[in-house]
Amino acid sequence: MTNPAAIFEAGDLRLSSGATYRGARLSYRTYGKLSPARDNVVLYPTSYSAQHLDTEWLIEPDGILDPTRWFVVIPDMFGNGLSASPSNTAPPWDGSRYPHFSILDNVRVQRRLLREVFGVARLKMVYGWSMGGMQAYQWGASFPDEVERVVVVCGAARCARHNYVFLEGVKAALTADPAWRDGRFERKPERGLRAMGRVYAGWAMSQAFYRDELWRQVGFSSLEDYLVGGWEGNFLRRHAEDLLAQIHTWQHFSIADDPAFAGDFEAALRAIRAEVLLMPGRTDLYFRVEDNADELPRLARGRLAPIESDWGHRAGNPVHRGADWAFIREQVRALLER
């Protein structure tokens, strides 16, 4: 059962940065039925630039997240155009005035949504890919008594320096458009969005993906067709300021930014009591297996299960189905049954 999308009116928020966002709204959608005991809830935060309609394919009977068993909640991350974002914030956004949301800000409001709307105080699991995985990690650290399981797919507990630099390249491509003036876009930066897509394509997929022309498996007739339809088109449908806002959230993420940890990264990892499943992509170029391997010894109950795939970062979002989808499904099912 898929329920209608809804809005949680979060009110005026004091953000981690110290700024205040007035009249914040959190978009969300639910799938399945909440049990009478409210003990079957899976939270599934969105990833970079994605909205809930882009990610709900993963929720299906007998799929990775089965709505016949679980009450799945997708909260739209702030900055994605549905929840509070530059594109729906007045006055018009510019880079110096927009009150940026952190991952912690997102998680705190998601917690309010679950408690105030559904009366849910404990989650069966938080599952996230990429920036969704960052949110899942933050849940485990900031609210350790409220999460039973955490699944981080192609994500990490902080933005690595190399990851930060990758995003600097993406930002530079987008803001090189002539429409970028004085810290904001005067009009839709079509050239910048197309350039952003091409830069992103080289990072999101592995060398083997291009060598073996795996783009043919998802219906593209040529490499140019894939770059135009698969990457330029993906970002052309988004609002440029929203994309920049979410990059800011991504680049400045560490689970240790919760004041409870005073910047102590190891203490934040040690605080997690949930069972944690880390599934990095073996060929992911910016969320590296090594990052998760470094985090693992600091987790009380953690397991590392790399996705052996040539699909790079997209191995963790296998809309093409196949072996990656089957592997993730198997790992998540085993975790939920423990």
C-alpha atoms as a PDB file:
ATOM      1  CA  MET A   1       0.000   0.000   0.000  1.00  0.00           C
ATOM      2  CA  THR A   2       1.397   3.365  -1.087  1.00  0.00           C
ATOM      3  CA  ASN A   3       0.019   6.308   0.827  1.00  0.00           C
ATOM      4  CA  PRO A   4      -0.276   9.879  -0.495  1.00  0.00           C
ATOM      5  CA  ALA A   5       2.680  12.215  -0.095  1.00  0.00           C
ATOM      6  CA  ALA A   6       2.326  14.597   2.834  1.00  0.00           C
ATOM      7  CA  ILE A   7       3.970  17.591   4.491  1.00  0.00           C
ATOM      8  CA  PHE A   8       5.157  17.861   8.084  1.00  0.00           C
ATOM      9  CA  GLU A   9       5.070  21.476   9.226  1.00  0.00           C
ATOM     10  CA  ALA A  10       8.227  21.736  11.317  1.00  0.00           C
ATOM     11  CA  GLY A  11       7.934  25.432  12.168  1.00  0.00           C
ATOM     12  CA  ASP A  12      10.899  27.694  12.858  1.00  0.00           C
ATOM     13  CA  LEU A  13      14.109  25.683  13.137  1.00  0.00           C
ATOM     14  CA  ARG A  14      17.314  26.658  14.870  1.00  0.00           C
ATOM     15  CA  LEU A  15      19.885  24.969  12.645  1.00  0.00           C
ATOM     16  CA  SER A  16      23.276  23.511  13.502  1.00  0.00           C
ATOM     17  CA  SER A  17      24.894  26.527  11.856  1.00  0.00           C
ATOM     18  CA  GLY A  18      23.161  28.870  14.325  1.00  0.00           C
ATOM     19  CA  ALA A  19      20.877  30.282  11.629  1.00  0.00           C
ATOM     20  CA  THR A  20      17.098  30.053  11.813  1.00  0.00           C
ATOM     21  CA  TYR A  21      14.942  28.676   9.015  1.00  0.00           C
ATOM     22  CA  ARG A  22      11.395  29.954   9.412  1.00  0.00           C
ATOM     23  CA  GLY A  23       8.396  27.852   8.485  1.00  0.00           C
ATOM     24  CA  ALA A  24      10.314  24.693   7.542  1.00  0.00           C
ATOM     25  CA  ARG A  25       8.365  21.973   5.750  1.00  0.00           C
ATOM     26  CA  LEU A  26       9.404  18.322   5.483  1.00  0.00           C
ATOM     27  CA  SER A  27       7.907  16.334   2.603  1.00  0.00           C
ATOM     28  CA  TYR A  28       7.472  12.593   3.080  1.00  0.00           C
ATOM     29  CA  ARG A  29       5.652   9.524   1.818  1.00  0.00           C
ATOM     30  CA  THR A  30       4.824   6.240   3.497  1.00  0.00           C
ATOM     31  CA  TYR A  31       4.441   2.703   2.181  1.00  0.00           C
ATOM     32  CA  GLY A  32       2.725  -0.213   3.871  1.00  0.00           C
ATOM     33  CA  LYS A  33       0.811  -0.185   7.143  1.00  0.00           C
ATOM     34  CA  LEU A  34       1.961   0.830  10.595  1.00  0.00           C
ATOM     35  CA  SER A  35       1.520  -2.041  13.032  1.00  0.00           C
ATOM     36  CA  PRO A  36      -0.620  -1.531  16.165  1.00  0.00           C
ATOM     37  CA  ALA A  37       2.548  -1.771  18.269  1.00  0.00           C
ATOM     38  CA  ARG A  38       4.330   0.747  15.991  1.00  0.00           C
ATOM     39  CA  ASP A  39       7.289  -1.610  15.833  1.00  0.00           C
ATOM     40  CA  ASN A  40       7.654  -2.226  12.080  1.00  0.00           C
ATOM     41  CA  VAL A  41       9.031   1.133  10.912  1.00  0.00           C
ATOM     42  CA  VAL A  42      11.862   1.440   8.384  1.00  0.00           C
ATOM     43  CA  LEU A  43      13.150   4.918   7.599  1.00  0.00           C
ATOM     44  CA  TYR A  44      14.562   5.394   4.088  1.00  0.00           C
ATOM     45  CA  PRO A  45      16.026   8.924   3.612  1.00  0.00           C
ATOM     46  CA  THR A  46      16.640  10.267   0.113  1.00  0.00           C
ATOM     47  CA  SER A  47      20.020  10.727  -1.582  1.00  0.00           C
ATOM     48  CA  TYR A  48      21.638  13.648  -3.405  1.00  0.00           C
ATOM     49  CA  SER A  49      19.207  15.445  -5.757  1.00  0.00           C
ATOM     50  CA  ALA A  50      16.658  12.608  -5.394  1.00  0.00           C
ATOM     51  CA  GLN A  51      13.015  12.931  -4.440  1.00  0.00           C
ATOM     52  CA  HIS A  52      10.908  10.130  -3.011  1.00  0.00           C
ATOM     53  CA  LEU A  53       9.477   9.206  -6.424  1.00  0.00           C
ATOM     54  CA  ASP A  54      13.031   8.571  -7.655  1.00  0.00           C
ATOM     55  CA  THR A  55      13.834   6.075  -4.918  1.00  0.00           C
ATOM     56  CA  GLU A  56      10.562   4.300  -4.189  1.00  0.00           C
ATOM     57  CA  TRP A  57      11.316   1.628  -6.831  1.00  0.00           C
ATOM     58  CA  LEU A  58      13.269  -0.177  -4.101  1.00  0.00           C
ATOM     59  CA  ILE A  59      10.059  -0.679  -2.086  1.00  0.00           C
ATOM     60  CA  GLU A  60       8.021  -3.616  -3.373  1.00  0.00           C
ATOM     61  CA  PRO A  61       6.621  -6.925  -2.140  1.00  0.00           C
ATOM     62  CA  ASP A  62       9.470  -9.405  -1.737  1.00  0.00           C
ATOM     63  CA  GLY A  63      11.938  -6.654  -2.650  1.00  0.00           C
ATOM     64  CA  ILE A  64      14.737  -4.981  -0.722  1.00  0.00           C
ATOM     65  CA  LEU A  65      12.195  -3.175   1.468  1.00  0.00           C
ATOM     66  CA  ASP A  66       8.943  -5.127   1.557  1.00  0.00           C
ATOM     67  CA  PRO A  67       5.887  -2.926   2.338  1.00  0.00           C
ATOM     68  CA  THR A  68       3.812  -5.990   3.172  1.00  0.00           C
ATOM     69  CA  ARG A  69       6.070  -6.478   6.215  1.00  0.00           C
ATOM     70  CA  TRP A  70       7.386  -2.999   7.000  1.00  0.00           C
ATOM     71  CA  PHE A  71       5.975   0.485   7.300  1.00  0.00           C
ATOM     72  CA  VAL A  72       8.479   2.383   5.170  1.00  0.00           C
ATOM     73  CA  VAL A  73       8.831   6.149   5.530  1.00  0.00           C
ATOM     74  CA  ILE A  74      10.750   8.195   2.940  1.00  0.00           C
ATOM     75  CA  PRO A  75      11.525  11.696   4.218  1.00  0.00           C
ATOM     76  CA  ASP A  76      12.655  14.069   1.474  1.00  0.00           C
ATOM     77  CA  MET A  77      15.996  15.583   2.401  1.00  0.00           C
ATOM     78  CA  PHE A  78      16.044  19.334   2.870  1.00  0.00           C
ATOM     79  CA  GLY A  79      17.200  20.986  -0.334  1.00  0.00           C
ATOM     80  CA  ASN A  80      15.648  18.452  -2.736  1.00  0.00           C
ATOM     81  CA  GLY A  81      12.890  20.769  -3.960  1.00  0.00           C
ATOM     82  CA  LEU A  82      10.028  19.092  -2.072  1.00  0.00           C
ATOM     83  CA  SER A  83      11.104  19.750   1.489  1.00  0.00           C
ATOM     84  CA  ALA A  84      12.371  23.226   2.435  1.00  0.00           C
ATOM     85  CA  SER A  85      14.842  24.222  -0.298  1.00  0.00           C
ATOM     86  CA  PRO A  86      16.297  27.295  -1.981  1.00  0.00           C
ATOM     87  CA  SER A  87      13.788  26.827  -4.809  1.00  0.00           C
ATOM     88  CA  ASN A  88      10.820  27.224  -2.459  1.00  0.00           C
ATOM     89  CA  THR A  89      12.304  29.635   0.070  1.00  0.00           C
ATOM     90  CA  ALA A  90      11.496  33.370  -0.013  1.00  0.00           C
ATOM     91  CA  PRO A  91      13.132  35.796  -0.530  1.00  0.00           C
ATOM     92  CA  PRO A  92      15.045  34.409  -3.535  1.00  0.00           C
ATOM     93  CA  TRP A  93      18.101  32.510  -2.395  1.00  0.00           C
ATOM     94  CA  ASP A  94      21.670  33.610  -2.742  1.00  0.00           C
ATOM     95  CA  GLY A  95      24.693  31.762  -1.455  1.00  0.00           C
ATOM     96  CA  SER A  96      25.435  34.203   1.343  1.00  0.00           C
ATOM     97  CA  ARG A  97      21.970  34.239   2.950  1.00  0.00           C
ATOM     98  CA  TYR A  98      20.421  30.800   2.569  1.00  0.00           C
ATOM     99  CA  PRO A  99      20.359  28.976   5.965  1.00  0.00           C
ATOM    100  CA  HIS A 100      21.998  25.677   5.077  1.00  0.00           C
ATOM    101  CA  PHE A 101      20.742  22.438   6.627  1.00  0.00           C
ATOM    102  CA  SER A 102      23.157  19.862   8.003  1.00  0.00           C
ATOM    103  CA  ILE A 103      22.644  16.107   8.026  1.00  0.00           C
ATOM    104  CA  LEU A 104      21.977  16.430  11.763  1.00  0.00           C
ATOM    105  CA  ASP A 105      19.281  19.037  11.078  1.00  0.00           C
ATOM    106  CA  ASN A 106      17.595  16.586   8.699  1.00  0.00           C
ATOM    107  CA  VAL A 107      17.690  13.748  11.210  1.00  0.00           C
ATOM    108  CA  ARG A 108      16.333  15.853  14.055  1.00  0.00           C
ATOM    109  CA  VAL A 109      13.283  16.863  12.025  1.00  0.00           C
ATOM    110  CA  GLN A 110      12.757  13.313  10.776  1.00  0.00           C
ATOM    111  CA  ARG A 111      12.667  12.219  14.414  1.00  0.00           C
ATOM    112  CA  ARG A 112      10.011  14.824  15.150  1.00  0.00           C
ATOM    113  CA  LEU A 113       7.959  13.624  12.174  1.00  0.00           C
ATOM    114  CA  LEU A 114       8.009  10.032  13.410  1.00  0.00           C
ATOM    115  CA  ARG A 115       7.102  10.973  16.970  1.00  0.00           C
ATOM    116  CA  GLU A 116       4.557  13.739  16.358  1.00  0.00           C
ATOM    117  CA  VAL A 117       2.722  12.236  13.374  1.00  0.00           C
ATOM    118  CA  PHE A 118       3.012   8.484  13.918  1.00  0.00           C
ATOM    119  CA  GLY A 119       3.840   8.102  17.609  1.00  0.00           C
ATOM    120  CA  VAL A 120       6.950   6.097  16.712  1.00  0.00           C
ATOM    121  CA  ALA A 121       9.797   6.155  19.229  1.00  0.00           C
ATOM    122  CA  ARG A 122      11.965   3.303  17.900  1.00  0.00           C
ATOM    123  CA  LEU A 123      12.944   2.253  14.388  1.00  0.00           C
ATOM    124  CA  LYS A 124      13.390  -1.273  13.134  1.00  0.00           C
ATOM    125  CA  MET A 125      15.945   0.024  10.648  1.00  0.00           C
ATOM    126  CA  VAL A 126      17.292   3.109   8.911  1.00  0.00           C
ATOM    127  CA  TYR A 127      18.363   2.316   5.355  1.00  0.00           C
ATOM    128  CA  GLY A 128      20.176   4.810   3.156  1.00  0.00           C
ATOM    129  CA  TRP A 129      22.225   5.033  -0.029  1.00  0.00           C
ATOM    130  CA  SER A 130      24.853   7.744  -0.553  1.00  0.00           C
ATOM    131  CA  MET A 131      23.662  10.871   1.310  1.00  0.00           C
ATOM    132  CA  GLY A 132      20.831   8.691   2.620  1.00  0.00           C
ATOM    133  CA  GLY A 133      23.548   6.533   4.165  1.00  0.00           C
ATOM    134  CA  MET A 134      25.003   9.611   5.859  1.00  0.00           C
ATOM    135  CA  GLN A 135      21.606  10.242   7.433  1.00  0.00           C
ATOM    136  CA  ALA A 136      21.359   6.605   8.527  1.00  0.00           C
ATOM    137  CA  TYR A 137      24.761   6.851  10.207  1.00  0.00           C
ATOM    138  CA  GLN A 138      23.731  10.086  11.980  1.00  0.00           C
ATOM    139  CA  TRP A 139      20.578   8.427  13.280  1.00  0.00           C
ATOM    140  CA  GLY A 140      22.630   5.632  14.811  1.00  0.00           C
ATOM    141  CA  ALA A 141      25.055   8.008  16.515  1.00  0.00           C
ATOM    142  CA  SER A 142      22.679  10.745  17.684  1.00  0.00           C
ATOM    143  CA  PHE A 143      19.782   8.519  18.793  1.00  0.00           C
ATOM    144  CA  PRO A 144      21.418   5.189  19.677  1.00  0.00           C
ATOM    145  CA  ASP A 145      18.518   3.922  21.801  1.00  0.00           C
ATOM    146  CA  GLU A 146      15.963   4.536  19.051  1.00  0.00           C
ATOM    147  CA  VAL A 147      17.452   2.545  16.162  1.00  0.00           C
ATOM    148  CA  GLU A 148      17.812  -1.233  16.022  1.00  0.00           C
ATOM    149  CA  ARG A 149      19.617  -1.536  12.676  1.00  0.00           C
ATOM    150  CA  VAL A 150      21.490   0.826  10.369  1.00  0.00           C
ATOM    151  CA  VAL A 151      22.243   0.072   6.723  1.00  0.00           C
ATOM    152  CA  VAL A 152      24.736   2.341   4.973  1.00  0.00           C
ATOM    153  CA  VAL A 153      24.956   1.648   1.235  1.00  0.00           C
ATOM    154  CA  CYS A 154      27.782   3.460  -0.578  1.00  0.00           C
ATOM    155  CA  GLY A 155      27.999   6.030   2.191  1.00  0.00           C
ATOM    156  CA  ALA A 156      30.244   6.977   5.093  1.00  0.00           C
ATOM    157  CA  ALA A 157      30.277   8.604   8.533  1.00  0.00           C
ATOM    158  CA  ARG A 158      31.869  11.777   7.169  1.00  0.00           C
ATOM    159  CA  CYS A 159      32.761  13.394   3.876  1.00  0.00           C
ATOM    160  CA  ALA A 160      36.316  12.353   3.053  1.00  0.00           C
ATOM    161  CA  ARG A 161      38.745  14.954   1.686  1.00  0.00           C
ATOM    162  CA  HIS A 162      38.842  13.286  -1.717  1.00  0.00           C
ATOM    163  CA  ASN A 163      35.058  13.203  -1.777  1.00  0.00           C
ATOM    164  CA  TYR A 164      35.055  16.926  -0.903  1.00  0.00           C
ATOM    165  CA  VAL A 165      37.359  17.676  -3.838  1.00  0.00           C
ATOM    166  CA  PHE A 166      35.159  15.700  -6.242  1.00  0.00           C
ATOM    167  CA  LEU A 167      32.251  17.917  -5.216  1.00  0.00           C
ATOM    168  CA  GLU A 168      34.358  21.058  -5.695  1.00  0.00           C
ATOM    169  CA  GLY A 169      34.714  20.020  -9.337  1.00  0.00           C
ATOM    170  CA  VAL A 170      30.977  19.524  -9.665  1.00  0.00           C
ATOM    171  CA  LYS A 171      30.301  22.955  -8.157  1.00  0.00           C
ATOM    172  CA  ALA A 172      32.872  24.601 -10.408  1.00  0.00           C
ATOM    173  CA  ALA A 173      31.241  23.148 -13.521  1.00  0.00           C
ATOM    174  CA  LEU A 174      27.787  24.311 -12.468  1.00  0.00           C
ATOM    175  CA  THR A 175      28.780  27.836 -11.434  1.00  0.00           C
ATOM    176  CA  ALA A 176      30.918  28.408 -14.548  1.00  0.00           C
ATOM    177  CA  ASP A 177      27.631  29.066 -16.367  1.00  0.00           C
ATOM    178  CA  PRO A 178      27.215  32.763 -17.332  1.00  0.00           C
ATOM    179  CA  ALA A 179      23.942  32.796 -15.398  1.00  0.00           C
ATOM    180  CA  TRP A 180      25.915  32.660 -12.116  1.00  0.00           C
ATOM    181  CA  ARG A 181      26.258  36.223 -10.837  1.00  0.00           C
ATOM    182  CA  ASP A 182      26.988  37.557  -7.357  1.00  0.00           C
ATOM    183  CA  GLY A 183      26.381  34.260  -5.586  1.00  0.00           C
ATOM    184  CA  ARG A 184      23.156  33.250  -7.320  1.00  0.00           C
ATOM    185  CA  PHE A 185      21.758  32.174 -10.683  1.00  0.00           C
ATOM    186  CA  GLU A 186      19.967  34.872 -12.654  1.00  0.00           C
ATOM    187  CA  ARG A 187      18.244  32.241 -14.792  1.00  0.00           C
ATOM    188  CA  LYS A 188      18.328  28.486 -15.323  1.00  0.00           C
ATOM    189  CA  PRO A 189      21.979  27.583 -16.015  1.00  0.00           C
ATOM    190  CA  GLU A 190      21.393  24.995 -18.727  1.00  0.00           C
ATOM    191  CA  ARG A 191      25.024  24.901 -19.836  1.00  0.00           C
ATOM    192  CA  GLY A 192      26.197  24.545 -16.250  1.00  0.00           C
ATOM    193  CA  LEU A 193      23.734  21.752 -15.507  1.00  0.00           C
ATOM    194  CA  ARG A 194      24.854  19.852 -18.619  1.00  0.00           C
ATOM    195  CA  ALA A 195      28.505  20.310 -17.656  1.00  0.00           C
ATOM    196  CA  MET A 196      27.736  19.153 -14.115  1.00  0.00           C
ATOM    197  CA  GLY A 197      26.155  15.995 -15.495  1.00  0.00           C
ATOM    198  CA  ARG A 198      29.226  15.139 -17.552  1.00  0.00           C
ATOM    199  CA  VAL A 199      31.595  15.728 -14.668  1.00  0.00           C
ATOM    200  CA  TYR A 200      29.415  13.599 -12.409  1.00  0.00           C
ATOM    201  CA  ALA A 201      29.253  10.765 -14.964  1.00  0.00           C
ATOM    202  CA  GLY A 202      33.003  10.252 -14.784  1.00  0.00           C
ATOM    203  CA  TRP A 203      32.939   9.887 -11.013  1.00  0.00           C
ATOM    204  CA  ALA A 204      29.727   7.986 -10.390  1.00  0.00           C
ATOM    205  CA  MET A 205      30.538   5.044 -12.667  1.00  0.00           C
ATOM    206  CA  SER A 206      33.672   2.925 -12.748  1.00  0.00           C
ATOM    207  CA  GLN A 207      36.287   2.603 -15.461  1.00  0.00           C
ATOM    208  CA  ALA A 208      35.081  -0.949 -16.109  1.00  0.00           C
ATOM    209  CA  PHE A 209      31.519   0.326 -16.583  1.00  0.00           C
ATOM    210  CA  TYR A 210      32.653   2.411 -19.547  1.00  0.00           C
ATOM    211  CA  ARG A 211      35.170  -0.108 -20.861  1.00  0.00           C
ATOM    212  CA  ASP A 212      32.517  -2.819 -21.091  1.00  0.00           C
ATOM    213  CA  GLU A 213      29.787  -0.429 -22.278  1.00  0.00           C
ATOM    214  CA  LEU A 214      27.462  -1.407 -19.462  1.00  0.00           C
ATOM    215  CA  TRP A 215      25.276   1.593 -20.272  1.00  0.00           C
ATOM    216  CA  ARG A 216      23.792  -0.571 -23.012  1.00  0.00           C
ATOM    217  CA  GLN A 217      22.175  -2.690 -20.283  1.00  0.00           C
ATOM    218  CA  VAL A 218      19.915   0.224 -19.336  1.00  0.00           C
ATOM    219  CA  GLY A 219      18.776   1.024 -22.847  1.00  0.00           C
ATOM    220  CA  PHE A 220      21.239   3.599 -24.168  1.00  0.00           C
ATOM    221  CA  SER A 221      22.407   3.185 -27.764  1.00  0.00           C
ATOM    222  CA  SER A 222      25.753   4.980 -27.494  1.00  0.00           C
ATOM    223  CA  LEU A 223      28.045   6.623 -24.983  1.00  0.00           C
ATOM    224  CA  GLU A 224      26.823  10.081 -26.043  1.00  0.00           C
ATOM    225  CA  ASP A 225      23.227   8.939 -25.681  1.00  0.00           C
ATOM    226  CA  TYR A 226      24.042   7.809 -22.142  1.00  0.00           C
ATOM    227  CA  LEU A 227      25.764  11.075 -21.179  1.00  0.00           C
ATOM    228  CA  VAL A 228      22.961  13.216 -22.566  1.00  0.00           C
ATOM    229  CA  GLY A 229      19.987  11.125 -21.461  1.00  0.00           C
ATOM    230  CA  GLY A 230      21.382   9.568 -18.317  1.00  0.00           C
ATOM    231  CA  TRP A 231      23.341  12.474 -16.824  1.00  0.00           C
ATOM    232  CA  GLU A 232      22.611  15.804 -18.449  1.00  0.00           C
ATOM    233  CA  GLY A 233      18.901  15.030 -18.362  1.00  0.00           C
ATOM    234  CA  ASN A 234      19.049  13.995 -14.713  1.00  0.00           C
ATOM    235  CA  PHE A 235      20.338  17.384 -13.573  1.00  0.00           C
ATOM    236  CA  LEU A 236      18.418  19.509 -16.075  1.00  0.00           C
ATOM    237  CA  ARG A 237      15.202  18.542 -14.291  1.00  0.00           C
ATOM    238  CA  ARG A 238      16.505  19.941 -10.982  1.00  0.00           C
ATOM    239  CA  HIS A 239      16.824  23.444  -9.600  1.00  0.00           C
ATOM    240  CA  ALA A 240      20.458  24.612  -9.626  1.00  0.00           C
ATOM    241  CA  GLU A 241      20.365  26.320  -6.222  1.00  0.00           C
ATOM    242  CA  ASP A 242      18.904  23.174  -4.683  1.00  0.00           C
ATOM    243  CA  LEU A 243      21.807  21.161  -6.077  1.00  0.00           C
ATOM    244  CA  LEU A 244      24.317  23.599  -4.570  1.00  0.00           C
ATOM    245  CA  ALA A 245      22.566  23.559  -1.198  1.00  0.00           C
ATOM    246  CA  GLN A 246      22.723  19.774  -0.987  1.00  0.00           C
ATOM    247  CA  ILE A 247      26.395  19.796  -1.978  1.00  0.00           C
ATOM    248  CA  HIS A 248      27.003  22.112   0.977  1.00  0.00           C
ATOM    249  CA  THR A 249      25.210  19.646   3.268  1.00  0.00           C
ATOM    250  CA  TRP A 250      27.263  16.766   1.845  1.00  0.00           C
ATOM    251  CA  GLN A 251      30.664  18.461   2.015  1.00  0.00           C
ATOM    252  CA  HIS A 252      30.246  19.575   5.620  1.00  0.00           C
ATOM    253  CA  PHE A 253      29.041  16.269   7.040  1.00  0.00           C
ATOM    254  CA  SER A 254      30.520  14.372   9.960  1.00  0.00           C
ATOM    255  CA  ILE A 255      28.531  12.410  12.525  1.00  0.00           C
ATOM    256  CA  ALA A 256      30.805  14.013  15.130  1.00  0.00           C
ATOM    257  CA  ASP A 257      29.179  17.407  14.508  1.00  0.00           C
ATOM    258  CA  ASP A 258      26.462  16.500  17.000  1.00  0.00           C
ATOM    259  CA  PRO A 259      27.296  18.663  20.066  1.00  0.00           C
ATOM    260  CA  ALA A 260      27.144  15.502  22.179  1.00  0.00           C
ATOM    261  CA  PHE A 261      30.455  14.426  20.619  1.00  0.00           C
ATOM    262  CA  ALA A 262      32.216  17.813  20.474  1.00  0.00           C
ATOM    263  CA  GLY A 263      33.844  16.864  17.177  1.00  0.00           C
ATOM    264  CA  ASP A 264      35.209  13.520  18.429  1.00  0.00           C
ATOM    265  CA  PHE A 265      34.696  11.234  15.418  1.00  0.00           C
ATOM    266  CA  GLU A 266      35.694   8.032  17.194  1.00  0.00           C
ATOM    267  CA  ALA A 267      33.376   8.791  20.107  1.00  0.00           C
ATOM    268  CA  ALA A 268      30.487   9.278  17.675  1.00  0.00           C
ATOM    269  CA  LEU A 269      31.124   5.879  16.076  1.00  0.00           C
ATOM    270  CA  ARG A 270      31.466   4.191  19.462  1.00  0.00           C
ATOM    271  CA  ALA A 271      28.129   5.666  20.541  1.00  0.00           C
ATOM    272  CA  ILE A 272      26.207   3.625  17.947  1.00  0.00           C
ATOM    273  CA  ARG A 273      24.443   0.677  19.571  1.00  0.00           C
ATOM    274  CA  ALA A 274      22.525  -0.488  16.509  1.00  0.00           C
ATOM    275  CA  GLU A 275      23.680  -3.347  14.363  1.00  0.00           C
ATOM    276  CA  VAL A 276      25.368  -1.650  11.404  1.00  0.00           C
ATOM    277  CA  LEU A 277      25.646  -3.103   7.918  1.00  0.00           C
ATOM    278  CA  LEU A 278      28.134  -1.283   5.699  1.00  0.00           C
ATOM    279  CA  MET A 279      27.800  -2.000   1.974  1.00  0.00           C
ATOM    280  CA  PRO A 280      30.277   0.088  -0.012  1.00  0.00           C
ATOM    281  CA  GLY A 281      30.689  -0.422  -3.736  1.00  0.00           C
ATOM    282  CA  ARG A 282      34.006  -2.054  -4.591  1.00  0.00           C
ATOM    283  CA  THR A 283      34.484   0.297  -7.562  1.00  0.00           C
ATOM    284  CA  ASP A 284      32.905   3.415  -6.011  1.00  0.00           C
ATOM    285  CA  LEU A 285      35.316   6.278  -6.698  1.00  0.00           C
ATOM    286  CA  TYR A 286      34.301   8.658  -3.909  1.00  0.00           C
ATOM    287  CA  PHE A 287      32.694   6.642  -1.099  1.00  0.00           C
ATOM    288  CA  ARG A 288      35.547   4.197  -0.736  1.00  0.00           C
ATOM    289  CA  VAL A 289      35.576   0.726   0.803  1.00  0.00           C
ATOM    290  CA  GLU A 290      38.591   1.892   2.798  1.00  0.00           C
ATOM    291  CA  ASP A 291      36.494   4.568   4.520  1.00  0.00           C
ATOM    292  CA  ASN A 292      34.041   2.001   5.841  1.00  0.00           C
ATOM    293  CA  ALA A 293      36.859  -0.417   6.721  1.00  0.00           C
ATOM    294  CA  ASP A 294      38.397   2.328   8.866  1.00  0.00           C
ATOM    295  CA  GLU A 295      35.065   2.955  10.622  1.00  0.00           C
ATOM    296  CA  LEU A 296      34.297  -0.714  11.256  1.00  0.00           C
ATOM    297  CA  PRO A 297      36.620  -1.391  14.265  1.00  0.00           C
ATOM    298  CA  ARG A 298      35.019   1.516  16.132  1.00  0.00           C
ATOM    299  CA  LEU A 299      31.498   0.113  15.805  1.00  0.00           C
ATOM    300  CA  ALA A 300      30.162  -2.067  18.602  1.00  0.00           C
ATOM    301  CA  ARG A 301      28.202  -4.237  16.154  1.00  0.00           C
ATOM    302  CA  GLY A 302      29.240  -3.718  12.574  1.00  0.00           C
ATOM    303  CA  ARG A 303      29.715  -5.792   9.448  1.00  0.00           C
ATOM    304  CA  LEU A 304      31.341  -4.900   6.138  1.00  0.00           C
ATOM    305  CA  ALA A 305      29.844  -6.441   2.980  1.00  0.00           C
ATOM    306  CA  PRO A 306      31.218  -4.746  -0.174  1.00  0.00           C
ATOM    307  CA  ILE A 307      29.151  -4.880  -3.346  1.00  0.00           C
ATOM    308  CA  GLU A 308      31.342  -6.579  -5.953  1.00  0.00           C
ATOM    309  CA  SER A 309      30.210  -4.653  -8.980  1.00  0.00           C
ATOM    310  CA  ASP A 310      31.481  -2.629 -11.947  1.00  0.00           C
ATOM    311  CA  TRP A 311      28.662  -0.078 -11.536  1.00  0.00           C
ATOM    312  CA  GLY A 312      30.697   2.244  -9.317  1.00  0.00           C
ATOM    313  CA  HIS A 313      28.670   4.367  -6.905  1.00  0.00           C
ATOM    314  CA  ARG A 314      25.464   3.342  -8.677  1.00  0.00           C
ATOM    315  CA  ALA A 315      25.985  -0.256  -7.526  1.00  0.00           C
ATOM    316  CA  GLY A 316      24.178   0.863  -4.384  1.00  0.00           C
ATOM    317  CA  ASN A 317      21.175   2.124  -6.357  1.00  0.00           C
ATOM    318  CA  PRO A 318      20.639  -0.805  -8.733  1.00  0.00           C
ATOM    319  CA  VAL A 319      17.589   0.301 -10.684  1.00  0.00           C
ATOM    320  CA  HIS A 320      18.934  -1.996 -13.404  1.00  0.00           C
ATOM    321  CA  ARG A 321      18.265  -4.896 -11.001  1.00  0.00           C
ATOM    322  CA  GLY A 322      20.582  -7.830 -11.638  1.00  0.00           C
ATOM    323  CA  ALA A 323      23.290  -9.094  -9.288  1.00  0.00           C
ATOM    324  CA  ASP A 324      23.718  -5.865  -7.284  1.00  0.00           C
ATOM    325  CA  TRP A 325      20.006  -5.709  -6.449  1.00  0.00           C
ATOM    326  CA  ALA A 326      19.995  -9.392  -5.463  1.00  0.00           C
ATOM    327  CA  PHE A 327      23.049  -8.955  -3.221  1.00  0.00           C
ATOM    328  CA  ILE A 328      21.609  -5.961  -1.379  1.00  0.00           C
ATOM    329  CA  ARG A 329      18.256  -7.701  -0.964  1.00  0.00           C
ATOM    330  CA  GLU A 330      19.930 -10.796   0.485  1.00  0.00           C
ATOM    331  CA  GLN A 331      22.031  -8.778   2.945  1.00  0.00           C
ATOM    332  CA  VAL A 332      19.134  -6.624   4.146  1.00  0.00           C
ATOM    333  CA  ARG A 333      16.806  -9.584   4.536  1.00  0.00           C
ATOM    334  CA  ALA A 334      19.390 -11.439   6.623  1.00  0.00           C
ATOM    335  CA  LEU A 335      19.859  -8.387   8.826  1.00  0.00           C
ATOM    336  CA  LEU A 336      16.141  -7.903   9.417  1.00  0.00           C
ATOM    337  CA  GLU A 337      15.685 -11.529  10.358  1.00  0.00           C
ATOM    338  CA  ARG A 338      18.299 -11.406  13.115  1.00  0.00           C
END
